[in-house]
């Protein structure tokens, strides 16, 4: 009998691709239940397993009662991202704790939580293996997600930490790189730092594999493509694939810092790019039997039409 799956956040960027990966899982995909705060946000998707929907809010733990009844695996993809510390704590920290407790009460055998490498704080991180760097979350969101991780790990679950996630639905990573280059009005030269990236379709497969694998993938895992992308590849590929007009002379890092003086948000993004954020997978993909997908350049080429449409709008 196929395991029964609950997905949280299926109306969002990562959760929607996790649902797609479940629908593509073999000839007889497992039955799925979607936990949605707003049932109207149910993602489209013809074919595949029929999904029943339960309405609940992670910020209201009492609403979670019964959502895991009859469920074997919980794929927890929902998070609140923003500067509202009270909201992020309610959803990410206390909401995850309540969900994990409900999963245990209902007898679910595995909980997989999609977290973020941002729980490590700022780099450099060079080939860092899971759990090697100490946690040093620097924002309300990453602090609350580190707290959520602890609830999952204490219950014997699985925590996945991607870094840069790209693909259809991404409103942060590639649009942020494009905005940075627009602020510079030039390419960046001589920046050789390395960054972990993952195609959201591969991340969706990784989440499903972590939930369904019989190889016991417990604990913390990095889920990025095994080959990091260097800073120049990231920026040049974005510029080329999205057809950005960058009339200025290419800048080195010092020149870029000078041009962005007075733009603290852009400077922050530049400084993050200027140092390694490379998180080694530690053999996760092989152990879970999942495909890490293509590297950054090929993935961006495949998703470029979506990004061009999104940025145009």
Protein backbone atom coordinates (compact mmCIF):
# COMPACT_ATOMS: atom_id res chain seq x y z
CA UNK A 1 0.00 0.00 0.00
CA UNK A 2 1.33 3.43 -0.93
CA UNK A 3 2.21 5.75 1.95
CA UNK A 4 -0.21 8.61 2.44
CA UNK A 5 1.35 12.08 2.23
CA UNK A 6 0.48 15.45 3.72
CA UNK A 7 2.06 18.50 2.06
CA UNK A 8 2.07 21.92 3.70
CA UNK A 9 2.62 25.01 1.57
CA UNK A 10 1.55 23.33 -1.67
CA UNK A 11 0.22 26.67 -2.92
CA UNK A 12 3.71 28.18 -2.71
CA UNK A 13 6.89 28.13 -4.78
CA UNK A 14 8.62 25.05 -3.36
CA UNK A 15 5.53 23.22 -2.13
CA UNK A 16 3.91 23.41 -5.57
CA UNK A 17 6.92 21.69 -7.11
CA UNK A 18 6.90 19.08 -4.34
CA UNK A 19 3.29 18.29 -5.23
CA UNK A 20 4.30 18.02 -8.90
CA UNK A 21 7.12 15.62 -7.93
CA UNK A 22 4.66 13.44 -5.99
CA UNK A 23 2.37 13.34 -9.02
CA UNK A 24 5.30 12.17 -11.14
CA UNK A 25 6.46 9.53 -8.64
CA UNK A 26 6.16 6.24 -10.52
CA UNK A 27 3.21 4.57 -12.16
CA UNK A 28 1.06 4.68 -9.03
CA UNK A 29 1.69 7.97 -7.19
CA UNK A 30 0.72 7.96 -3.51
CA UNK A 31 -2.45 9.64 -2.24
CA UNK A 32 -1.97 13.25 -1.14
CA UNK A 33 -3.56 15.63 1.33
CA UNK A 34 -2.85 19.36 1.09
CA UNK A 35 -2.80 21.59 4.16
CA UNK A 36 -3.72 25.10 2.99
CA UNK A 37 -4.49 28.25 4.94
CA UNK A 38 -6.53 29.45 1.98
CA UNK A 39 -8.19 26.61 0.02
CA UNK A 40 -8.40 29.02 -2.91
CA UNK A 41 -4.62 28.80 -3.23
CA UNK A 42 -4.79 25.13 -4.21
CA UNK A 43 -2.30 24.67 -7.06
CA UNK A 44 -3.52 23.51 -10.44
CA UNK A 45 -2.44 20.13 -11.72
CA UNK A 46 -4.39 17.80 -13.97
CA UNK A 47 -3.77 14.12 -13.61
CA UNK A 48 -1.82 12.40 -10.88
CA UNK A 49 -3.26 11.45 -7.52
CA UNK A 50 -6.40 13.16 -6.34
CA UNK A 51 -5.57 15.44 -3.43
CA UNK A 52 -7.95 16.19 -0.62
CA UNK A 53 -7.59 19.60 1.04
CA UNK A 54 -7.72 20.49 4.70
CA UNK A 55 -7.92 24.08 5.83
CA UNK A 56 -5.60 24.99 8.69
CA UNK A 57 -3.27 27.76 9.76
CA UNK A 58 0.16 27.10 11.24
CA UNK A 59 -0.22 30.33 13.21
CA UNK A 60 -3.32 28.83 14.89
CA UNK A 61 -2.14 25.49 16.36
CA UNK A 62 -5.64 24.47 17.40
CA UNK A 63 -6.62 24.38 13.70
CA UNK A 64 -4.11 21.58 13.09
CA UNK A 65 -6.01 19.02 15.12
CA UNK A 66 -6.68 15.97 12.96
CA UNK A 67 -4.83 17.15 9.83
CA UNK A 68 -2.37 14.23 10.07
CA UNK A 69 -4.94 11.51 10.77
CA UNK A 70 -4.34 8.66 8.35
CA UNK A 71 -1.09 10.20 7.09
CA UNK A 72 2.24 8.36 6.96
CA UNK A 73 4.58 11.12 5.72
CA UNK A 74 4.49 14.88 6.29
CA UNK A 75 6.32 17.06 3.74
CA UNK A 76 6.49 20.44 5.47
CA UNK A 77 7.19 23.14 2.87
CA UNK A 78 5.31 26.07 4.40
CA UNK A 79 7.21 29.02 5.89
CA UNK A 80 6.57 32.67 6.51
CA UNK A 81 9.37 34.84 5.09
CA UNK A 82 9.56 38.47 6.12
CA UNK A 83 10.58 40.99 8.76
CA UNK A 84 7.51 40.52 10.97
CA UNK A 85 9.21 38.70 13.82
CA UNK A 86 5.96 37.90 15.62
CA UNK A 87 4.45 36.34 12.51
CA UNK A 88 7.56 34.35 11.56
CA UNK A 89 7.80 32.97 15.08
CA UNK A 90 4.12 32.05 15.13
CA UNK A 91 4.21 30.24 11.78
CA UNK A 92 7.70 28.84 11.53
CA UNK A 93 8.56 28.07 15.14
CA UNK A 94 5.36 27.43 17.08
CA UNK A 95 3.43 26.29 14.01
CA UNK A 96 6.05 23.67 13.14
CA UNK A 97 6.16 22.47 16.74
CA UNK A 98 2.38 22.02 16.72
CA UNK A 99 2.48 20.23 13.36
CA UNK A 100 5.21 17.85 14.53
CA UNK A 101 3.25 17.10 17.69
CA UNK A 102 0.12 16.43 15.64
CA UNK A 103 2.09 14.13 13.29
CA UNK A 104 3.37 12.16 16.29
CA UNK A 105 -0.10 11.92 17.80
CA UNK A 106 -1.50 10.61 14.50
CA UNK A 107 1.30 8.06 14.06
CA UNK A 108 3.00 9.57 11.00
CA UNK A 109 6.33 7.82 10.48
CA UNK A 110 8.36 10.67 8.94
CA UNK A 111 8.41 14.45 8.83
CA UNK A 112 10.53 16.27 6.22
CA UNK A 113 11.08 20.01 6.68
CA UNK A 114 12.31 22.30 3.92
CA UNK A 115 14.53 24.82 5.70
CA UNK A 116 17.31 27.03 4.34
CA UNK A 117 21.09 27.32 4.49
CA UNK A 118 20.47 30.86 5.77
CA UNK A 119 20.34 29.33 9.25
CA UNK A 120 24.16 29.32 9.09
CA UNK A 121 24.26 33.11 8.74
CA UNK A 122 26.77 34.90 6.55
CA UNK A 123 29.77 33.19 4.97
CA UNK A 124 32.22 32.36 3.79
CA UNK A 125 31.29 28.68 3.60
CA UNK A 126 33.50 26.61 1.32
CA UNK A 127 32.44 23.02 0.68
CA UNK A 128 30.70 22.96 4.07
CA UNK A 129 29.16 19.61 4.97
CA UNK A 130 25.79 19.32 6.72
CA UNK A 131 26.05 20.34 10.34
CA UNK A 132 29.67 21.50 10.13
CA UNK A 133 29.14 25.27 10.41
CA UNK A 134 27.50 26.40 13.65
CA UNK A 135 24.05 27.90 13.35
CA UNK A 136 24.15 31.71 13.34
CA UNK A 137 20.85 32.90 11.85
CA UNK A 138 20.91 36.66 11.28
CA UNK A 139 17.27 37.51 10.51
CA UNK A 140 13.91 36.89 12.21
CA UNK A 141 12.99 34.49 9.41
CA UNK A 142 16.14 32.39 9.62
CA UNK A 143 16.03 32.36 13.44
CA UNK A 144 12.47 31.05 13.40
CA UNK A 145 13.34 28.44 10.78
CA UNK A 146 16.30 27.26 12.87
CA UNK A 147 13.84 26.82 15.75
CA UNK A 148 11.52 24.88 13.43
CA UNK A 149 14.40 22.59 12.49
CA UNK A 150 14.96 21.71 16.13
CA UNK A 151 11.35 20.56 16.57
CA UNK A 152 11.66 18.31 13.51
CA UNK A 153 15.06 16.91 14.44
CA UNK A 154 14.02 16.24 18.05
CA UNK A 155 11.19 14.13 16.63
CA UNK A 156 13.60 12.11 14.45
CA UNK A 157 12.67 13.88 11.23
CA UNK A 158 14.55 15.13 8.18
CA UNK A 159 15.73 18.71 7.57
CA UNK A 160 16.72 19.82 4.07
CA UNK A 161 18.76 23.02 3.65
CA UNK A 162 18.88 24.43 0.11
CA UNK A 163 20.69 27.71 -0.60
CA UNK A 164 19.75 29.48 -3.85
CA UNK A 165 16.61 27.96 -5.41
CA UNK A 166 15.70 28.91 -8.96
CA UNK A 167 12.89 28.07 -11.33
CA UNK A 168 9.32 28.96 -12.24
CA UNK A 169 7.81 30.78 -9.27
CA UNK A 170 11.10 32.21 -7.95
CA UNK A 171 10.55 35.84 -7.02
CA UNK A 172 13.75 36.32 -5.05
CA UNK A 173 16.93 34.70 -6.36
CA UNK A 174 17.15 35.39 -10.09
CA UNK A 175 15.05 38.59 -9.89
CA UNK A 176 17.40 39.73 -7.12
CA UNK A 177 20.47 39.06 -9.26
CA UNK A 178 18.87 40.93 -12.14
CA UNK A 179 18.03 43.87 -9.87
CA UNK A 180 21.60 43.99 -8.58
CA UNK A 181 22.99 44.13 -12.10
CA UNK A 182 20.45 46.78 -13.00
CA UNK A 183 21.64 48.89 -10.06
CA UNK A 184 25.24 48.46 -11.24
CA UNK A 185 24.29 48.99 -14.90
CA UNK A 186 27.36 46.87 -15.64
CA UNK A 187 28.73 43.36 -15.38
CA UNK A 188 30.89 42.32 -12.44
CA UNK A 189 34.40 41.09 -13.17
CA UNK A 190 36.90 39.19 -11.06
CA UNK A 191 34.35 37.74 -8.61
CA UNK A 192 35.19 34.05 -8.23
CA UNK A 193 33.22 33.12 -5.11
CA UNK A 194 31.19 29.92 -5.35
CA UNK A 195 27.50 29.47 -4.56
CA UNK A 196 25.24 26.47 -4.14
CA UNK A 197 22.16 26.45 -6.36
CA UNK A 198 19.37 24.00 -7.05
CA UNK A 199 16.59 23.85 -9.61
CA UNK A 200 13.26 23.86 -7.77
CA UNK A 201 12.17 20.80 -9.75
CA UNK A 202 15.16 18.88 -8.37
CA UNK A 203 14.40 20.20 -4.89
CA UNK A 204 10.85 18.90 -5.25
CA UNK A 205 12.21 15.46 -6.12
CA UNK A 206 14.59 15.63 -3.16
CA UNK A 207 11.79 16.38 -0.71
CA UNK A 208 9.71 13.48 -1.99
CA UNK A 209 12.71 11.13 -1.95
CA UNK A 210 13.53 12.12 1.63
CA UNK A 211 9.96 11.34 2.60
CA UNK A 212 9.60 8.05 0.77
CA UNK A 213 13.12 6.62 0.72
CA UNK A 214 13.59 3.43 2.70
CA UNK A 215 17.26 4.32 3.28
CA UNK A 216 16.63 6.25 6.47
CA UNK A 217 17.64 9.77 5.43
CA UNK A 218 17.24 11.28 8.89
CA UNK A 219 18.96 14.39 10.19
CA UNK A 220 20.23 17.43 8.28
CA UNK A 221 21.07 17.41 4.57
CA UNK A 222 22.19 20.02 2.06
CA UNK A 223 20.18 19.91 -1.16
CA UNK A 224 22.02 21.84 -3.84
CA UNK A 225 23.50 20.78 -7.14
CA UNK A 226 26.83 19.01 -6.45
CA UNK A 227 28.68 21.57 -8.58
CA UNK A 228 28.56 25.15 -7.24
CA UNK A 229 28.30 28.10 -9.63
CA UNK A 230 30.83 30.88 -9.40
CA UNK A 231 29.74 34.48 -9.04
CA UNK A 232 30.65 35.43 -12.60
CA UNK A 233 28.68 32.49 -14.00
CA UNK A 234 25.63 33.46 -11.96
CA UNK A 235 25.60 37.08 -13.05
CA UNK A 236 26.72 36.65 -16.65
CA UNK A 237 24.21 33.87 -17.26
CA UNK A 238 21.39 35.97 -15.83
CA UNK A 239 22.41 38.93 -17.99
CA UNK A 240 22.68 36.84 -21.14
CA UNK A 241 19.57 34.70 -20.71
CA UNK A 242 17.32 37.55 -19.64
CA UNK A 243 18.70 40.03 -22.17
CA UNK A 244 19.66 42.67 -19.62
CA UNK A 245 20.97 45.96 -20.99
CA UNK A 246 24.18 46.75 -19.11
CA UNK A 247 25.89 49.62 -20.94
CA UNK A 248 28.52 50.37 -18.29
CA UNK A 249 32.13 49.20 -18.27
CA UNK A 250 32.53 45.98 -16.22
CA UNK A 251 33.32 46.70 -12.57
CA UNK A 252 35.51 44.95 -10.04
CA UNK A 253 34.21 44.47 -6.50
CA UNK A 254 35.62 47.74 -5.19
CA UNK A 255 34.12 49.63 -8.12
CA UNK A 256 30.78 47.91 -7.55
CA UNK A 257 30.83 48.83 -3.85
CA UNK A 258 31.50 52.45 -4.74
CA UNK A 259 28.65 52.53 -7.26
CA UNK A 260 26.21 51.07 -4.76
CA UNK A 261 27.11 53.53 -1.98
CA UNK A 262 23.88 54.69 -0.38
CA UNK A 263 21.98 51.55 -1.48
CA UNK A 264 22.25 49.30 1.60
CA UNK A 265 20.02 46.52 0.28
CA UNK A 266 21.98 46.20 -2.97
CA UNK A 267 25.27 46.39 -1.05
CA UNK A 268 24.12 43.59 1.22
CA UNK A 269 23.37 41.37 -1.79
CA UNK A 270 26.72 42.21 -3.32
CA UNK A 271 28.61 41.32 -0.15
CA UNK A 272 26.75 38.01 0.06
CA UNK A 273 27.81 37.23 -3.50
CA UNK A 274 31.41 38.27 -2.86
CA UNK A 275 32.19 35.31 -0.57
CA UNK A 276 31.67 31.54 -0.88
CA UNK A 277 28.28 30.12 0.05
CA UNK A 278 29.03 26.59 -1.10
CA UNK A 279 27.35 23.78 0.81
CA UNK A 280 28.45 20.26 -0.11
CA UNK A 281 25.67 17.67 -0.27
CA UNK A 282 27.51 14.99 1.69
CA UNK A 283 26.16 12.27 -0.62
CA UNK A 284 22.49 13.09 -0.14
CA UNK A 285 21.45 12.71 -3.79
CA UNK A 286 23.01 9.27 -4.18
CA UNK A 287 21.73 8.12 -0.81
CA UNK A 288 18.17 9.22 -1.50
CA UNK A 289 18.23 7.95 -5.08
CA UNK A 290 17.25 11.40 -6.40
CA UNK A 291 18.39 13.29 -9.51
CA UNK A 292 20.06 16.66 -8.71
CA UNK A 293 19.10 18.01 -12.11
CA UNK A 294 21.13 20.32 -14.29
CA UNK A 295 23.60 22.95 -13.21
CA UNK A 296 22.76 26.64 -12.97
CA UNK A 297 23.34 27.67 -16.59
CA UNK A 298 21.20 24.93 -18.11
CA UNK A 299 18.46 25.30 -15.51
CA UNK A 300 18.26 29.04 -16.08
CA UNK A 301 18.06 28.52 -19.83
CA UNK A 302 15.05 26.25 -19.31
CA UNK A 303 13.33 28.69 -16.96
CA UNK A 304 14.30 31.88 -18.82
CA UNK A 305 10.90 32.33 -20.54
CA UNK A 306 9.14 32.34 -17.16
CA UNK A 307 11.63 34.86 -15.73
CA UNK A 308 11.36 37.15 -18.74
CA UNK A 309 7.59 37.12 -18.43
CA UNK A 310 7.71 37.72 -14.67
CA UNK A 311 10.21 40.58 -14.90
CA UNK A 312 8.27 42.08 -17.79
CA UNK A 313 5.17 42.17 -15.61
